Amino acid sequence: MSGIAVVVGCDAVDADSSWLRLHLPGGHLRTIDWTAISMAALVRNDERMTFEGDLEQITALRSSHDPLWIESGDGVAIALLEKRDG
């Protein structure tokens, strides 16, 4: 994964005790070893941020999804996870 990858929905993310797998657009899979992840953050209160280009999905789905930012040696991935009620 080079650059930034955006995946949408909980079904686009899978995990095991040693890896995190992202189901990328086009049917590609990207597996990231947990030890390769340098940072992961669930961003809150990002209403003032505006995203364009490949990241425009973040702005478009903000009301129904929370962005989980994942940084590894291969780049950055953003998993847009459905918000839960309550």
PDB file of N, CA and C in Angstrom:
ATOM      1  N   MET A   1       0.869  -1.164   0.000  1.00  0.00           N
ATOM      2  CA  MET A   1       0.000   0.000   0.000  1.00  0.00           C
ATOM      3  C   MET A   1       0.908   1.216   0.000  1.00  0.00           C
ATOM      4  N   SER A   2       0.925   1.934  -1.049  1.00  0.00           N
ATOM      5  CA  SER A   2       1.713   3.159  -1.059  1.00  0.00           C
ATOM      6  C   SER A   2       0.760   4.333  -1.031  1.00  0.00           C
ATOM      7  N   GLY A   3       1.156   5.401  -0.368  1.00  0.00           N
ATOM      8  CA  GLY A   3       0.288   6.559  -0.266  1.00  0.00           C
ATOM      9  C   GLY A   3      -0.828   6.311   0.722  1.00  0.00           C
ATOM     10  N   ILE A   4      -2.042   6.738   0.342  1.00  0.00           N
ATOM     11  CA  ILE A   4      -3.194   6.629   1.227  1.00  0.00           C
ATOM     12  C   ILE A   4      -4.255   5.746   0.577  1.00  0.00           C
ATOM     13  N   ALA A   5      -4.783   4.805   1.346  1.00  0.00           N
ATOM     14  CA  ALA A   5      -5.866   3.947   0.886  1.00  0.00           C
ATOM     15  C   ALA A   5      -7.079   4.190   1.775  1.00  0.00           C
ATOM     16  N   VAL A   6      -8.269   4.237   1.175  1.00  0.00           N
ATOM     17  CA  VAL A   6      -9.505   4.433   1.921  1.00  0.00           C
ATOM     18  C   VAL A   6     -10.399   3.222   1.692  1.00  0.00           C
ATOM     19  N   VAL A   7     -10.867   2.620   2.780  1.00  0.00           N
ATOM     20  CA  VAL A   7     -11.829   1.527   2.697  1.00  0.00           C
ATOM     21  C   VAL A   7     -13.070   1.938   3.484  1.00  0.00           C
ATOM     22  N   VAL A   8     -14.231   1.434   3.057  1.00  0.00           N
ATOM     23  CA  VAL A   8     -15.495   1.853   3.669  1.00  0.00           C
ATOM     24  C   VAL A   8     -16.223   0.647   4.242  1.00  0.00           C
ATOM     25  N   GLY A   9     -16.622   0.779   5.501  1.00  0.00           N
ATOM     26  CA  GLY A   9     -17.458  -0.222   6.143  1.00  0.00           C
ATOM     27  C   GLY A   9     -16.674  -1.227   6.957  1.00  0.00           C
ATOM     28  N   CYS A  10     -17.321  -1.741   7.984  1.00  0.00           N
ATOM     29  CA  CYS A  10     -16.693  -2.733   8.852  1.00  0.00           C
ATOM     30  C   CYS A  10     -16.340  -4.001   8.086  1.00  0.00           C
ATOM     31  N   ASP A  11     -17.082  -4.321   7.040  1.00  0.00           N
ATOM     32  CA  ASP A  11     -16.788  -5.502   6.242  1.00  0.00           C
ATOM     33  C   ASP A  11     -15.487  -5.357   5.466  1.00  0.00           C
ATOM     34  N   ALA A  12     -14.969  -4.145   5.349  1.00  0.00           N
ATOM     35  CA  ALA A  12     -13.723  -3.908   4.615  1.00  0.00           C
ATOM     36  C   ALA A  12     -12.489  -4.121   5.483  1.00  0.00           C
ATOM     37  N   VAL A  13     -12.698  -4.441   6.767  1.00  0.00           N
ATOM     38  CA  VAL A  13     -11.586  -4.622   7.701  1.00  0.00           C
ATOM     39  C   VAL A  13     -11.734  -5.982   8.367  1.00  0.00           C
ATOM     40  N   ASP A  14     -10.639  -6.714   8.425  1.00  0.00           N
ATOM     41  CA  ASP A  14     -10.609  -8.016   9.069  1.00  0.00           C
ATOM     42  C   ASP A  14      -9.343  -8.053   9.918  1.00  0.00           C
ATOM     43  N   ALA A  15      -9.363  -8.783  11.011  1.00  0.00           N
ATOM     44  CA  ALA A  15      -8.183  -8.817  11.869  1.00  0.00           C
ATOM     45  C   ALA A  15      -7.991 -10.194  12.488  1.00  0.00           C
ATOM     46  N   ASP A  16      -6.753 -10.477  12.792  1.00  0.00           N
ATOM     47  CA  ASP A  16      -6.351 -11.692  13.468  1.00  0.00           C
ATOM     48  C   ASP A  16      -5.391 -11.255  14.577  1.00  0.00           C
ATOM     49  N   SER A  17      -4.897 -12.177  15.346  1.00  0.00           N
ATOM     50  CA  SER A  17      -4.008 -11.806  16.443  1.00  0.00           C
ATOM     51  C   SER A  17      -2.677 -11.229  15.958  1.00  0.00           C
ATOM     52  N   SER A  18      -2.299 -11.485  14.711  1.00  0.00           N
ATOM     53  CA  SER A  18      -1.014 -10.988  14.230  1.00  0.00           C
ATOM     54  C   SER A  18      -1.106 -10.028  13.047  1.00  0.00           C
ATOM     55  N   TRP A  19      -2.309  -9.828  12.464  1.00  0.00           N
ATOM     56  CA  TRP A  19      -2.425  -8.955  11.298  1.00  0.00           C
ATOM     57  C   TRP A  19      -3.770  -8.253  11.221  1.00  0.00           C
ATOM     58  N   LEU A  20      -3.770  -7.201  10.432  1.00  0.00           N
ATOM     59  CA  LEU A  20      -4.967  -6.435  10.076  1.00  0.00           C
ATOM     60  C   LEU A  20      -5.070  -6.513   8.561  1.00  0.00           C
ATOM     61  N   ARG A  21      -6.233  -6.850   8.047  1.00  0.00           N
ATOM     62  CA  ARG A  21      -6.404  -6.976   6.601  1.00  0.00           C
ATOM     63  C   ARG A  21      -7.434  -5.964   6.119  1.00  0.00           C
ATOM     64  N   LEU A  22      -7.085  -5.260   5.050  1.00  0.00           N
ATOM     65  CA  LEU A  22      -7.969  -4.273   4.437  1.00  0.00           C
ATOM     66  C   LEU A  22      -8.403  -4.776   3.073  1.00  0.00           C
ATOM     67  N   HIS A  23      -9.698  -4.733   2.818  1.00  0.00           N
ATOM     68  CA  HIS A  23     -10.252  -5.099   1.520  1.00  0.00           C
ATOM     69  C   HIS A  23     -10.332  -3.820   0.694  1.00  0.00           C
ATOM     70  N   LEU A  24      -9.331  -3.604  -0.139  1.00  0.00           N
ATOM     71  CA  LEU A  24      -9.207  -2.366  -0.910  1.00  0.00           C
ATOM     72  C   LEU A  24     -10.121  -2.375  -2.129  1.00  0.00           C
ATOM     73  N   PRO A  25     -10.431  -1.205  -2.664  1.00  0.00           N
ATOM     74  CA  PRO A  25     -11.224  -1.131  -3.891  1.00  0.00           C
ATOM     75  C   PRO A  25     -10.562  -1.947  -4.995  1.00  0.00           C
ATOM     76  N   GLY A  26     -11.382  -2.529  -5.848  1.00  0.00           N
ATOM     77  CA  GLY A  26     -10.866  -3.351  -6.941  1.00  0.00           C
ATOM     78  C   GLY A  26     -10.621  -4.790  -6.541  1.00  0.00           C
ATOM     79  N   GLY A  27     -11.018  -5.160  -5.316  1.00  0.00           N
ATOM     80  CA  GLY A  27     -10.865  -6.546  -4.872  1.00  0.00           C
ATOM     81  C   GLY A  27      -9.488  -6.894  -4.329  1.00  0.00           C
ATOM     82  N   HIS A  28      -8.624  -5.919  -4.175  1.00  0.00           N
ATOM     83  CA  HIS A  28      -7.279  -6.168  -3.660  1.00  0.00           C
ATOM     84  C   HIS A  28      -7.315  -6.281  -2.136  1.00  0.00           C
ATOM     85  N   LEU A  29      -6.445  -7.116  -1.597  1.00  0.00           N
ATOM     86  CA  LEU A  29      -6.300  -7.265  -0.153  1.00  0.00           C
ATOM     87  C   LEU A  29      -4.950  -6.716   0.264  1.00  0.00           C
ATOM     88  N   ARG A  30      -4.913  -6.044   1.386  1.00  0.00           N
ATOM     89  CA  ARG A  30      -3.661  -5.560   1.948  1.00  0.00           C
ATOM     90  C   ARG A  30      -3.594  -6.039   3.383  1.00  0.00           C
ATOM     91  N   THR A  31      -2.599  -6.838   3.697  1.00  0.00           N
ATOM     92  CA  THR A  31      -2.403  -7.341   5.051  1.00  0.00           C
ATOM     93  C   THR A  31      -1.263  -6.572   5.705  1.00  0.00           C
ATOM     94  N   ILE A  32      -1.529  -6.057   6.901  1.00  0.00           N
ATOM     95  CA  ILE A  32      -0.535  -5.294   7.646  1.00  0.00           C
ATOM     96  C   ILE A  32      -0.295  -6.021   8.964  1.00  0.00           C
ATOM     97  N   ASP A  33       0.941  -6.360   9.227  1.00  0.00           N
ATOM     98  CA  ASP A  33       1.307  -6.972  10.504  1.00  0.00           C
ATOM     99  C   ASP A  33       1.089  -5.942  11.615  1.00  0.00           C
ATOM    100  N   TRP A  34       0.522  -6.365  12.737  1.00  0.00           N
ATOM    101  CA  TRP A  34       0.261  -5.432  13.842  1.00  0.00           C
ATOM    102  C   TRP A  34       1.534  -4.706  14.270  1.00  0.00           C
ATOM    103  N   THR A  35       2.680  -5.395  14.219  1.00  0.00           N
ATOM    104  CA  THR A  35       3.929  -4.767  14.655  1.00  0.00           C
ATOM    105  C   THR A  35       4.399  -3.686  13.685  1.00  0.00           C
ATOM    106  N   ALA A  36       3.858  -3.654  12.473  1.00  0.00           N
ATOM    107  CA  ALA A  36       4.233  -2.641  11.486  1.00  0.00           C
ATOM    108  C   ALA A  36       3.416  -1.354  11.631  1.00  0.00           C
ATOM    109  N   ILE A  37       2.359  -1.399  12.438  1.00  0.00           N
ATOM    110  CA  ILE A  37       1.510  -0.220  12.623  1.00  0.00           C
ATOM    111  C   ILE A  37       2.167   0.703  13.644  1.00  0.00           C
ATOM    112  N   SER A  38       2.486   1.916  13.184  1.00  0.00           N
ATOM    113  CA  SER A  38       3.139   2.873  14.070  1.00  0.00           C
ATOM    114  C   SER A  38       2.144   3.769  14.784  1.00  0.00           C
ATOM    115  N   MET A  39       0.928   3.908  14.204  1.00  0.00           N
ATOM    116  CA  MET A  39      -0.085   4.756  14.826  1.00  0.00           C
ATOM    117  C   MET A  39      -1.452   4.361  14.287  1.00  0.00           C
ATOM    118  N   ALA A  40      -2.433   4.364  15.166  1.00  0.00           N
ATOM    119  CA  ALA A  40      -3.828   4.183  14.765  1.00  0.00           C
ATOM    120  C   ALA A  40      -4.668   5.108  15.638  1.00  0.00           C
ATOM    121  N   ALA A  41      -5.594   5.819  15.019  1.00  0.00           N
ATOM    122  CA  ALA A  41      -6.389   6.786  15.778  1.00  0.00           C
ATOM    123  C   ALA A  41      -7.788   6.881  15.201  1.00  0.00           C
ATOM    124  N   LEU A  42      -8.754   6.924  16.074  1.00  0.00           N
ATOM    125  CA  LEU A  42     -10.142   7.163  15.692  1.00  0.00           C
ATOM    126  C   LEU A  42     -10.388   8.651  15.900  1.00  0.00           C
ATOM    127  N   VAL A  43     -10.537   9.364  14.811  1.00  0.00           N
ATOM    128  CA  VAL A  43     -10.629  10.831  14.860  1.00  0.00           C
ATOM    129  C   VAL A  43     -12.034  11.255  15.274  1.00  0.00           C
ATOM    130  N   ARG A  44     -12.107  12.168  16.220  1.00  0.00           N
ATOM    131  CA  ARG A  44     -13.374  12.745  16.666  1.00  0.00           C
ATOM    132  C   ARG A  44     -13.324  14.247  16.440  1.00  0.00           C
ATOM    133  N   ASN A  45     -14.482  14.856  16.319  1.00  0.00           N
ATOM    134  CA  ASN A  45     -14.577  16.310  16.163  1.00  0.00           C
ATOM    135  C   ASN A  45     -13.735  16.827  14.999  1.00  0.00           C
ATOM    136  N   ASP A  46     -13.908  16.205  13.844  1.00  0.00           N
ATOM    137  CA  ASP A  46     -13.146  16.614  12.660  1.00  0.00           C
ATOM    138  C   ASP A  46     -14.008  17.419  11.689  1.00  0.00           C
ATOM    139  N   GLU A  47     -15.109  17.992  12.185  1.00  0.00           N
ATOM    140  CA  GLU A  47     -16.041  18.702  11.319  1.00  0.00           C
ATOM    141  C   GLU A  47     -15.394  19.872  10.575  1.00  0.00           C
ATOM    142  N   ARG A  48     -14.359  20.450  11.131  1.00  0.00           N
ATOM    143  CA  ARG A  48     -13.701  21.601  10.487  1.00  0.00           C
ATOM    144  C   ARG A  48     -12.754  21.173   9.374  1.00  0.00           C
ATOM    145  N   MET A  49     -12.454  19.885   9.292  1.00  0.00           N
ATOM    146  CA  MET A  49     -11.543  19.391   8.272  1.00  0.00           C
ATOM    147  C   MET A  49     -12.321  19.083   6.994  1.00  0.00           C
ATOM    148  N   THR A  50     -11.755  19.427   5.859  1.00  0.00           N
ATOM    149  CA  THR A  50     -12.356  19.135   4.568  1.00  0.00           C
ATOM    150  C   THR A  50     -11.366  18.302   3.763  1.00  0.00           C
ATOM    151  N   PHE A  51     -11.848  17.223   3.195  1.00  0.00           N
ATOM    152  CA  PHE A  51     -10.995  16.327   2.432  1.00  0.00           C
ATOM    153  C   PHE A  51     -11.412  16.362   0.962  1.00  0.00           C
ATOM    154  N   GLU A  52     -10.433  16.296   0.082  1.00  0.00           N
ATOM    155  CA  GLU A  52     -10.689  16.361  -1.348  1.00  0.00           C
ATOM    156  C   GLU A  52     -10.004  15.191  -2.045  1.00  0.00           C
ATOM    157  N   GLY A  53     -10.296  15.028  -3.327  1.00  0.00           N
ATOM    158  CA  GLY A  53      -9.662  13.975  -4.117  1.00  0.00           C
ATOM    159  C   GLY A  53     -10.041  12.600  -3.614  1.00  0.00           C
ATOM    160  N   ASP A  54      -9.034  11.728  -3.469  1.00  0.00           N
ATOM    161  CA  ASP A  54      -9.272  10.360  -3.015  1.00  0.00           C
ATOM    162  C   ASP A  54      -9.851  10.298  -1.606  1.00  0.00           C
ATOM    163  N   LEU A  55      -9.664  11.349  -0.829  1.00  0.00           N
ATOM    164  CA  LEU A  55     -10.146  11.370   0.552  1.00  0.00           C
ATOM    165  C   LEU A  55     -11.525  11.993   0.695  1.00  0.00           C
ATOM    166  N   GLU A  56     -12.136  12.380  -0.411  1.00  0.00           N
ATOM    167  CA  GLU A  56     -13.447  13.035  -0.371  1.00  0.00           C
ATOM    168  C   GLU A  56     -14.507  12.161   0.301  1.00  0.00           C
ATOM    169  N   GLN A  57     -14.336  10.839   0.234  1.00  0.00           N
ATOM    170  CA  GLN A  57     -15.281   9.923   0.891  1.00  0.00           C
ATOM    171  C   GLN A  57     -15.395  10.198   2.380  1.00  0.00           C
ATOM    172  N   ILE A  58     -14.303  10.642   2.996  1.00  0.00           N
ATOM    173  CA  ILE A  58     -14.321  10.916   4.434  1.00  0.00           C
ATOM    174  C   ILE A  58     -15.327  12.014   4.732  1.00  0.00           C
ATOM    175  N   THR A  59     -15.277  13.088   3.961  1.00  0.00           N
ATOM    176  CA  THR A  59     -16.213  14.195   4.162  1.00  0.00           C
ATOM    177  C   THR A  59     -17.634  13.759   3.836  1.00  0.00           C
ATOM    178  N   ALA A  60     -17.818  13.028   2.747  1.00  0.00           N
ATOM    179  CA  ALA A  60     -19.151  12.618   2.305  1.00  0.00           C
ATOM    180  C   ALA A  60     -19.824  11.667   3.293  1.00  0.00           C
ATOM    181  N   LEU A  61     -19.049  10.820   3.971  1.00  0.00           N
ATOM    182  CA  LEU A  61     -19.623   9.799   4.856  1.00  0.00           C
ATOM    183  C   LEU A  61     -19.467  10.130   6.341  1.00  0.00           C
ATOM    184  N   ARG A  62     -19.048  11.335   6.639  1.00  0.00           N
ATOM    185  CA  ARG A  62     -18.776  11.730   8.028  1.00  0.00           C
ATOM    186  C   ARG A  62     -19.972  11.509   8.962  1.00  0.00           C
ATOM    187  N   SER A  63     -21.181  11.769   8.498  1.00  0.00           N
ATOM    188  CA  SER A  63     -22.345  11.661   9.387  1.00  0.00           C
ATOM    189  C   SER A  63     -22.677  10.213   9.754  1.00  0.00           C
ATOM    190  N   SER A  64     -22.259   9.249   8.938  1.00  0.00           N
ATOM    191  CA  SER A  64     -22.605   7.855   9.203  1.00  0.00           C
ATOM    192  C   SER A  64     -21.401   6.964   9.519  1.00  0.00           C
ATOM    193  N   HIS A  65     -20.182   7.468   9.336  1.00  0.00           N
ATOM    194  CA  HIS A  65     -18.978   6.671   9.542  1.00  0.00           C
ATOM    195  C   HIS A  65     -17.925   7.456  10.342  1.00  0.00           C
ATOM    196  N   ASP A  66     -17.164   6.729  11.153  1.00  0.00           N
ATOM    197  CA  ASP A  66     -16.024   7.298  11.873  1.00  0.00           C
ATOM    198  C   ASP A  66     -14.741   6.863  11.167  1.00  0.00           C
ATOM    199  N   PRO A  67     -13.820   7.802  10.890  1.00  0.00           N
ATOM    200  CA  PRO A  67     -12.578   7.425  10.225  1.00  0.00           C
ATOM    201  C   PRO A  67     -11.528   6.895  11.203  1.00  0.00           C
ATOM    202  N   LEU A  68     -11.054   5.690  10.948  1.00  0.00           N
ATOM    203  CA  LEU A  68      -9.957   5.104  11.711  1.00  0.00           C
ATOM    204  C   LEU A  68      -8.705   5.238  10.850  1.00  0.00           C
ATOM    205  N   TRP A  69      -7.774   6.078  11.284  1.00  0.00           N
ATOM    206  CA  TRP A  69      -6.536   6.330  10.551  1.00  0.00           C
ATOM    207  C   TRP A  69      -5.491   5.326  11.027  1.00  0.00           C
ATOM    208  N   ILE A  70      -4.827   4.653  10.086  1.00  0.00           N
ATOM    209  CA  ILE A  70      -3.831   3.632  10.402  1.00  0.00           C
ATOM    210  C   ILE A  70      -2.554   3.960   9.630  1.00  0.00           C
ATOM    211  N   GLU A  71      -1.467   4.154  10.358  1.00  0.00           N
ATOM    212  CA  GLU A  71      -0.190   4.453   9.713  1.00  0.00           C
ATOM    213  C   GLU A  71       0.764   3.278   9.911  1.00  0.00           C
ATOM    214  N   SER A  72       1.364   2.849   8.808  1.00  0.00           N
ATOM    215  CA  SER A  72       2.367   1.791   8.875  1.00  0.00           C
ATOM    216  C   SER A  72       3.524   2.179   7.970  1.00  0.00           C
ATOM    217  N   GLY A  73       4.519   1.339   7.884  1.00  0.00           N
ATOM    218  CA  GLY A  73       5.661   1.617   7.037  1.00  0.00           C
ATOM    219  C   GLY A  73       5.301   1.711   5.567  1.00  0.00           C
ATOM    220  N   ASP A  74       4.153   1.168   5.182  1.00  0.00           N
ATOM    221  CA  ASP A  74       3.711   1.182   3.787  1.00  0.00           C
ATOM    222  C   ASP A  74       2.881   2.402   3.427  1.00  0.00           C
ATOM    223  N   GLY A  75       2.523   3.216   4.394  1.00  0.00           N
ATOM    224  CA  GLY A  75       1.701   4.386   4.113  1.00  0.00           C
ATOM    225  C   GLY A  75       0.579   4.524   5.117  1.00  0.00           C
ATOM    226  N   VAL A  76      -0.479   5.186   4.706  1.00  0.00           N
ATOM    227  CA  VAL A  76      -1.622   5.460   5.578  1.00  0.00           C
ATOM    228  C   VAL A  76      -2.864   4.819   4.982  1.00  0.00           C
ATOM    229  N   ALA A  77      -3.671   4.236   5.831  1.00  0.00           N
ATOM    230  CA  ALA A  77      -4.966   3.682   5.434  1.00  0.00           C
ATOM    231  C   ALA A  77      -6.027   4.328   6.309  1.00  0.00           C
ATOM    232  N   ILE A  78      -7.175   4.549   5.741  1.00  0.00           N
ATOM    233  CA  ILE A  78      -8.289   5.107   6.498  1.00  0.00           C
ATOM    234  C   ILE A  78      -9.462   4.149   6.320  1.00  0.00           C
ATOM    235  N   ALA A  79      -9.917   3.589   7.421  1.00  0.00           N
ATOM    236  CA  ALA A  79     -11.081   2.708   7.407  1.00  0.00           C
ATOM    237  C   ALA A  79     -12.274   3.511   7.912  1.00  0.00           C
ATOM    238  N   LEU A  80     -13.260   3.689   7.071  1.00  0.00           N
ATOM    239  CA  LEU A  80     -14.483   4.392   7.463  1.00  0.00           C
ATOM    240  C   LEU A  80     -15.433   3.366   8.054  1.00  0.00           C
ATOM    241  N   LEU A  81     -15.584   3.395   9.360  1.00  0.00           N
ATOM    242  CA  LEU A  81     -16.373   2.403  10.082  1.00  0.00           C
ATOM    243  C   LEU A  81     -17.734   2.968  10.431  1.00  0.00           C
ATOM    244  N   GLU A  82     -18.778   2.163  10.233  1.00  0.00           N
ATOM    245  CA  GLU A  82     -20.125   2.602  10.520  1.00  0.00           C
ATOM    246  C   GLU A  82     -20.269   2.971  11.988  1.00  0.00           C
ATOM    247  N   LYS A  83     -20.944   4.089  12.226  1.00  0.00           N
ATOM    248  CA  LYS A  83     -21.196   4.505  13.611  1.00  0.00           C
ATOM    249  C   LYS A  83     -22.257   3.615  14.213  1.00  0.00           C
ATOM    250  N   ARG A  84     -22.106   3.349  15.492  1.00  0.00           N
ATOM    251  CA  ARG A  84     -23.097   2.558  16.212  1.00  0.00           C
ATOM    252  C   ARG A  84     -24.035   3.505  16.931  1.00  0.00           C
ATOM    253  N   ASP A  85     -25.290   3.082  17.062  1.00  0.00           N
ATOM    254  CA  ASP A  85     -26.249   3.876  17.836  1.00  0.00           C
ATOM    255  C   ASP A  85     -25.899   3.773  19.301  1.00  0.00           C
ATOM    256  N   GLY A  86     -25.994   4.929  19.986  1.00  0.00           N
ATOM    257  CA  GLY A  86     -25.777   4.931  21.429  1.00  0.00           C
ATOM    258  C   GLY A  86     -24.420   5.232  21.737  1.00  0.00           C
TER     259      GLY A  86
END
